[in-house]
Amino acid sequence: MTLSSRAGRPPSITGHAEAQGAATVTGGQDAASATDSTLPDPEVEVVRSTRARRVSVRVDRMTGVVRVTLPQRAPLAEVDRALLRHRRWIAARLSEAAVIRAQVQARGNTVTVWGEPLELVEDPGRQRVHAKDGKLLVPPGRGDLLERWLRNQARAKLVPLTQEAAQTLGRPVARVSIGDAKTRWGSCTAKATITYSWRLVLAPTWVAEAIVWHEACHLVELNHSPRFWRLLRSHEPRTDEARAWLRAHGATLVLPGAAR
């Protein structure tokens, strides 16, 4: 088992849309639902948090890294206890991560943009990203330019869709932004600021549209009450289907190379 440790607070991204990047179990929660009690040899990262009130275990759905978060004063012995207590749950999540990595690797150099598969091709003579004839031409070694291009594609579609949904609901939206959230597809604040993960551009358009309506409905109901779900489903009947799609495929919405 590889063990790394770092102090400080783990990243926390607040929001309302479905989580995408990891599975988490906390405290004394029963994690014995998996049938395999053997625990592979994962990389374990130990994090101390001033905000944590209990020990939590988190498994990255892509890398398989196991993160154990400890309250500031908890003894390190709690790490082994947590890993032992949740060993079957961890083993199940690691198996899922292996499947996800295999799915991503099987795509090779293909990126799907709003449902359209594009082959990534490095073009030495190019200084910016350009889509043409089923190919995405990218300057060599410039993954930053590829991500920027994808962010722009996400912004071009998600901003007007959000504004239209807000107008339909009769509520103003103060700002729509595209962020780099890895654990939330979208979020809406009390100040009517809506933020989306740029990775939605890698999902089918209809799934992204469902997320847009989810966040827009938070302009009316900033909660997940029955009223919120009734409002959302009245405007977006594909809500449950989109949530199921993201649970099944969300962790694979990454760029080529992420699973290596």
Protein backbone atom coordinates (compact mmCIF):
# COMPACT_ATOMS: atom_id res chain seq x y z
CA MET A 1 0.00 0.00 0.00
CA THR A 2 1.38 3.40 -0.98
CA LEU A 3 0.75 5.98 1.73
CA SER A 4 1.11 9.71 1.28
CA SER A 5 0.19 12.38 3.79
CA ARG A 6 -0.43 16.07 3.58
CA ALA A 7 -1.87 18.57 6.02
CA GLY A 8 -4.54 21.16 5.40
CA ARG A 9 -8.07 21.14 4.11
CA PRO A 10 -9.24 19.00 1.22
CA PRO A 11 -10.81 20.80 -1.72
CA SER A 12 -14.51 21.42 -1.28
CA ILE A 13 -16.82 22.44 -4.11
CA THR A 14 -20.38 23.29 -3.18
CA GLY A 15 -23.21 22.82 -5.59
CA HIS A 16 -26.42 21.05 -6.35
CA ALA A 17 -25.94 18.85 -9.39
CA GLU A 18 -24.87 15.24 -9.26
CA ALA A 19 -21.40 14.45 -7.94
CA GLN A 20 -19.05 13.00 -10.51
CA GLY A 21 -15.52 12.33 -9.37
CA ALA A 22 -15.47 10.15 -6.29
CA ALA A 23 -17.40 7.96 -3.90
CA THR A 24 -17.32 8.71 -0.19
CA VAL A 25 -18.15 6.89 3.03
CA THR A 26 -17.92 8.47 6.47
CA GLY A 27 -17.56 7.57 10.11
CA GLY A 28 -19.31 4.43 11.23
CA GLN A 29 -21.42 4.18 8.10
CA ASP A 30 -21.99 0.54 7.15
CA ALA A 31 -19.87 -0.17 4.10
CA ALA A 32 -20.30 -3.92 3.99
CA SER A 33 -22.56 -4.04 0.95
CA ALA A 34 -19.87 -5.42 -1.36
CA THR A 35 -19.28 -9.14 -1.29
CA ASP A 36 -15.50 -9.10 -1.85
CA SER A 37 -13.69 -8.58 1.45
CA THR A 38 -10.20 -8.49 -0.08
CA LEU A 39 -8.59 -5.09 -0.43
CA PRO A 40 -6.19 -4.50 -3.34
CA ASP A 41 -3.06 -2.43 -2.75
CA PRO A 42 -4.27 1.11 -3.48
CA GLU A 43 -2.51 4.41 -3.10
CA VAL A 44 -3.78 6.01 0.11
CA GLU A 45 -3.65 9.75 0.72
CA VAL A 46 -4.14 10.98 4.28
CA VAL A 47 -5.48 14.51 4.75
CA ARG A 48 -6.04 16.38 8.00
CA SER A 49 -8.89 18.86 7.97
CA THR A 50 -9.83 21.54 10.44
CA ARG A 51 -13.41 21.21 9.22
CA ALA A 52 -13.75 17.43 9.52
CA ARG A 53 -15.75 16.16 12.48
CA ARG A 54 -15.35 12.48 11.66
CA VAL A 55 -13.13 10.21 9.60
CA SER A 56 -14.16 9.87 5.97
CA VAL A 57 -12.89 7.66 3.17
CA ARG A 58 -13.08 8.74 -0.44
CA VAL A 59 -12.14 6.82 -3.59
CA ASP A 60 -11.37 8.68 -6.80
CA ARG A 61 -13.44 7.00 -9.48
CA MET A 62 -10.77 7.51 -12.14
CA THR A 63 -7.41 7.02 -10.44
CA GLY A 64 -8.49 4.68 -7.64
CA VAL A 65 -6.62 6.79 -5.09
CA VAL A 66 -8.10 6.33 -1.61
CA ARG A 67 -8.23 9.52 0.44
CA VAL A 68 -8.74 9.29 4.19
CA THR A 69 -9.69 12.60 5.79
CA LEU A 70 -9.03 12.94 9.51
CA PRO A 71 -10.15 15.54 12.03
CA GLN A 72 -7.20 17.66 13.11
CA ARG A 73 -6.64 15.84 16.42
CA ALA A 74 -7.48 12.31 15.38
CA PRO A 75 -4.65 9.78 15.80
CA LEU A 76 -3.11 8.30 12.65
CA ALA A 77 -4.22 4.88 13.86
CA GLU A 78 -7.70 5.90 12.68
CA VAL A 79 -6.47 5.52 9.10
CA ASP A 80 -5.92 1.77 9.44
CA ARG A 81 -9.16 1.39 11.34
CA ALA A 82 -11.10 3.20 8.59
CA LEU A 83 -9.46 1.16 5.82
CA LEU A 84 -10.25 -2.08 7.66
CA ARG A 85 -13.81 -1.07 8.52
CA HIS A 86 -14.62 -0.11 4.94
CA ARG A 87 -12.43 -2.66 3.14
CA ARG A 88 -15.27 -4.27 1.18
CA TRP A 89 -16.70 -0.91 0.16
CA ILE A 90 -13.23 0.26 -0.93
CA ALA A 91 -12.64 -2.94 -2.90
CA ALA A 92 -15.91 -2.44 -4.76
CA ARG A 93 -15.05 1.18 -5.58
CA LEU A 94 -11.57 0.18 -6.79
CA SER A 95 -13.16 -2.39 -9.10
CA GLU A 96 -15.44 0.32 -10.49
CA ALA A 97 -12.44 2.61 -11.00
CA ALA A 98 -10.67 -0.12 -13.00
CA VAL A 99 -13.70 -0.43 -15.29
CA ILE A 100 -13.87 3.34 -15.77
CA ARG A 101 -10.17 3.55 -16.64
CA ALA A 102 -10.59 0.75 -19.17
CA GLN A 103 -13.54 2.57 -20.80
CA VAL A 104 -11.54 5.79 -21.08
CA GLN A 105 -8.48 4.01 -22.48
CA ALA A 106 -10.65 2.21 -25.04
CA ARG A 107 -11.63 5.56 -26.56
CA GLY A 108 -8.04 6.19 -27.57
CA ASN A 109 -7.59 9.73 -28.89
CA THR A 110 -11.28 10.37 -29.43
CA VAL A 111 -13.03 13.26 -27.69
CA THR A 112 -16.82 13.50 -27.78
CA VAL A 113 -18.03 17.11 -27.94
CA TRP A 114 -21.77 17.54 -27.40
CA GLY A 115 -22.28 13.97 -28.58
CA GLU A 116 -20.05 14.24 -31.67
CA PRO A 117 -16.91 12.07 -31.61
CA LEU A 118 -13.81 13.93 -32.76
CA GLU A 119 -10.38 12.40 -33.30
CA LEU A 120 -7.59 14.33 -31.60
CA VAL A 121 -4.83 15.06 -34.09
CA GLU A 122 -1.65 16.95 -33.28
CA ASP A 123 -0.90 19.50 -35.98
CA PRO A 124 2.65 20.94 -35.71
CA GLY A 125 1.81 23.93 -37.85
CA ARG A 126 -1.18 24.99 -35.78
CA GLN A 127 -1.32 27.54 -32.95
CA ARG A 128 -4.95 27.12 -31.95
CA VAL A 129 -7.48 24.29 -31.72
CA HIS A 130 -9.78 23.78 -34.68
CA ALA A 131 -12.49 21.19 -35.43
CA LYS A 132 -12.66 20.01 -39.04
CA ASP A 133 -14.05 16.94 -40.80
CA GLY A 134 -14.44 14.84 -37.66
CA LYS A 135 -11.01 15.78 -36.36
CA LEU A 136 -9.90 18.12 -33.60
CA LEU A 137 -6.61 19.67 -34.68
CA VAL A 138 -4.46 20.61 -31.69
CA PRO A 139 -0.98 22.18 -31.40
CA PRO A 140 1.44 19.51 -30.10
CA GLY A 141 1.83 19.42 -26.33
CA ARG A 142 -0.77 22.12 -25.74
CA GLY A 143 -3.39 20.41 -23.62
CA ASP A 144 -4.10 23.81 -22.08
CA LEU A 145 -5.31 25.11 -25.45
CA LEU A 146 -7.54 22.04 -25.87
CA GLU A 147 -9.13 22.60 -22.47
CA ARG A 148 -9.59 26.31 -23.22
CA TRP A 149 -11.32 25.42 -26.50
CA LEU A 150 -13.62 22.98 -24.72
CA ARG A 151 -14.42 25.60 -22.07
CA ASN A 152 -15.39 28.02 -24.84
CA GLN A 153 -17.63 25.39 -26.43
CA ALA A 154 -19.30 24.80 -23.05
CA ARG A 155 -19.76 28.53 -22.48
CA ALA A 156 -21.22 29.11 -25.95
CA LYS A 157 -23.98 26.57 -25.32
CA LEU A 158 -24.61 26.67 -21.57
CA VAL A 159 -24.82 30.43 -21.08
CA PRO A 160 -27.70 31.07 -23.54
CA LEU A 161 -29.49 27.89 -22.42
CA THR A 162 -29.34 29.11 -18.83
CA GLN A 163 -30.55 32.58 -19.74
CA GLU A 164 -33.48 31.09 -21.67
CA ALA A 165 -34.42 28.80 -18.77
CA ALA A 166 -34.21 31.68 -16.28
CA GLN A 167 -36.42 33.80 -18.50
CA THR A 168 -38.97 30.98 -18.74
CA LEU A 169 -38.98 30.75 -14.94
CA GLY A 170 -39.32 34.52 -14.61
CA ARG A 171 -36.19 34.80 -12.47
CA PRO A 172 -33.02 36.82 -13.17
CA VAL A 173 -29.65 35.09 -13.30
CA ALA A 174 -26.81 37.35 -12.20
CA ARG A 175 -23.93 35.47 -13.80
CA VAL A 176 -23.18 32.23 -15.60
CA SER A 177 -19.63 30.93 -15.45
CA ILE A 178 -17.70 27.87 -16.56
CA GLY A 179 -15.43 26.38 -13.91
CA ASP A 180 -13.15 23.40 -13.33
CA ALA A 181 -15.22 21.61 -10.70
CA LYS A 182 -14.40 17.92 -10.46
CA THR A 183 -17.06 16.93 -7.94
CA ARG A 184 -20.11 18.89 -9.14
CA TRP A 185 -21.65 19.35 -12.55
CA GLY A 186 -23.20 22.66 -11.56
CA SER A 187 -24.04 24.96 -8.70
CA CYS A 188 -26.30 27.89 -7.99
CA THR A 189 -25.76 30.46 -5.24
CA ALA A 190 -28.19 32.61 -3.28
CA LYS A 191 -26.91 35.56 -5.35
CA ALA A 192 -28.17 33.88 -8.54
CA THR A 193 -24.72 32.94 -9.85
CA ILE A 194 -24.70 29.65 -11.74
CA THR A 195 -21.49 27.77 -12.43
CA TYR A 196 -20.99 24.67 -14.57
CA SER A 197 -18.13 22.25 -14.96
CA TRP A 198 -16.61 22.58 -18.42
CA ARG A 199 -16.63 18.76 -18.60
CA LEU A 200 -20.33 18.90 -19.45
CA VAL A 201 -19.20 19.61 -23.01
CA LEU A 202 -18.08 15.96 -23.11
CA ALA A 203 -21.62 14.75 -22.34
CA PRO A 204 -24.55 14.48 -24.75
CA THR A 205 -26.38 17.77 -25.25
CA TRP A 206 -29.61 16.51 -23.69
CA VAL A 207 -27.76 15.62 -20.47
CA ALA A 208 -26.26 19.11 -20.25
CA GLU A 209 -29.68 20.63 -20.89
CA ALA A 210 -31.06 18.68 -17.92
CA ILE A 211 -28.27 20.09 -15.71
CA VAL A 212 -29.07 23.60 -16.95
CA TRP A 213 -32.69 23.20 -15.89
CA HIS A 214 -31.60 21.75 -12.56
CA GLU A 215 -29.55 24.84 -11.76
CA ALA A 216 -32.08 27.28 -13.23
CA CYS A 217 -34.81 25.84 -11.00
CA HIS A 218 -32.60 26.65 -8.01
CA LEU A 219 -33.25 30.31 -8.88
CA VAL A 220 -36.78 29.59 -7.67
CA GLU A 221 -36.13 26.91 -5.05
CA LEU A 222 -32.61 26.96 -3.58
CA ASN A 223 -33.07 23.52 -2.08
CA HIS A 224 -33.96 19.97 -3.02
CA SER A 225 -37.44 19.97 -1.55
CA PRO A 226 -40.38 18.15 -3.18
CA ARG A 227 -41.41 21.54 -4.64
CA PHE A 228 -38.01 21.83 -6.33
CA TRP A 229 -38.27 18.38 -7.92
CA ARG A 230 -41.85 19.00 -9.08
CA LEU A 231 -40.79 22.29 -10.67
CA LEU A 232 -37.75 20.72 -12.34
CA ARG A 233 -39.58 17.72 -13.74
CA SER A 234 -42.36 19.93 -15.07
CA HIS A 235 -39.78 21.74 -17.23
CA GLU A 236 -37.30 18.92 -17.83
CA PRO A 237 -38.94 15.47 -17.97
CA ARG A 238 -35.55 13.86 -18.76
CA THR A 239 -34.21 14.74 -15.31
CA ASP A 240 -34.12 11.22 -13.90
CA GLU A 241 -32.74 9.80 -17.14
CA ALA A 242 -29.97 12.40 -17.18
CA ARG A 243 -29.08 11.74 -13.55
CA ALA A 244 -28.88 8.01 -14.29
CA TRP A 245 -26.68 8.67 -17.34
CA LEU A 246 -24.27 10.78 -15.29
CA ARG A 247 -24.10 8.20 -12.50
CA ALA A 248 -23.19 5.57 -15.09
CA HIS A 249 -20.88 7.60 -17.33
CA GLY A 250 -19.96 10.82 -15.54
CA ALA A 251 -16.56 9.64 -14.33
CA THR A 252 -15.54 8.90 -17.94
CA LEU A 253 -16.00 12.53 -19.01
CA VAL A 254 -12.28 13.24 -19.11
CA LEU A 255 -9.70 13.96 -21.78
CA PRO A 256 -7.54 11.23 -23.33
CA GLY A 257 -4.59 10.40 -21.13
CA ALA A 258 -6.42 10.97 -17.84
CA ALA A 259 -6.61 7.22 -17.20
CA ARG A 260 -2.92 6.55 -17.78
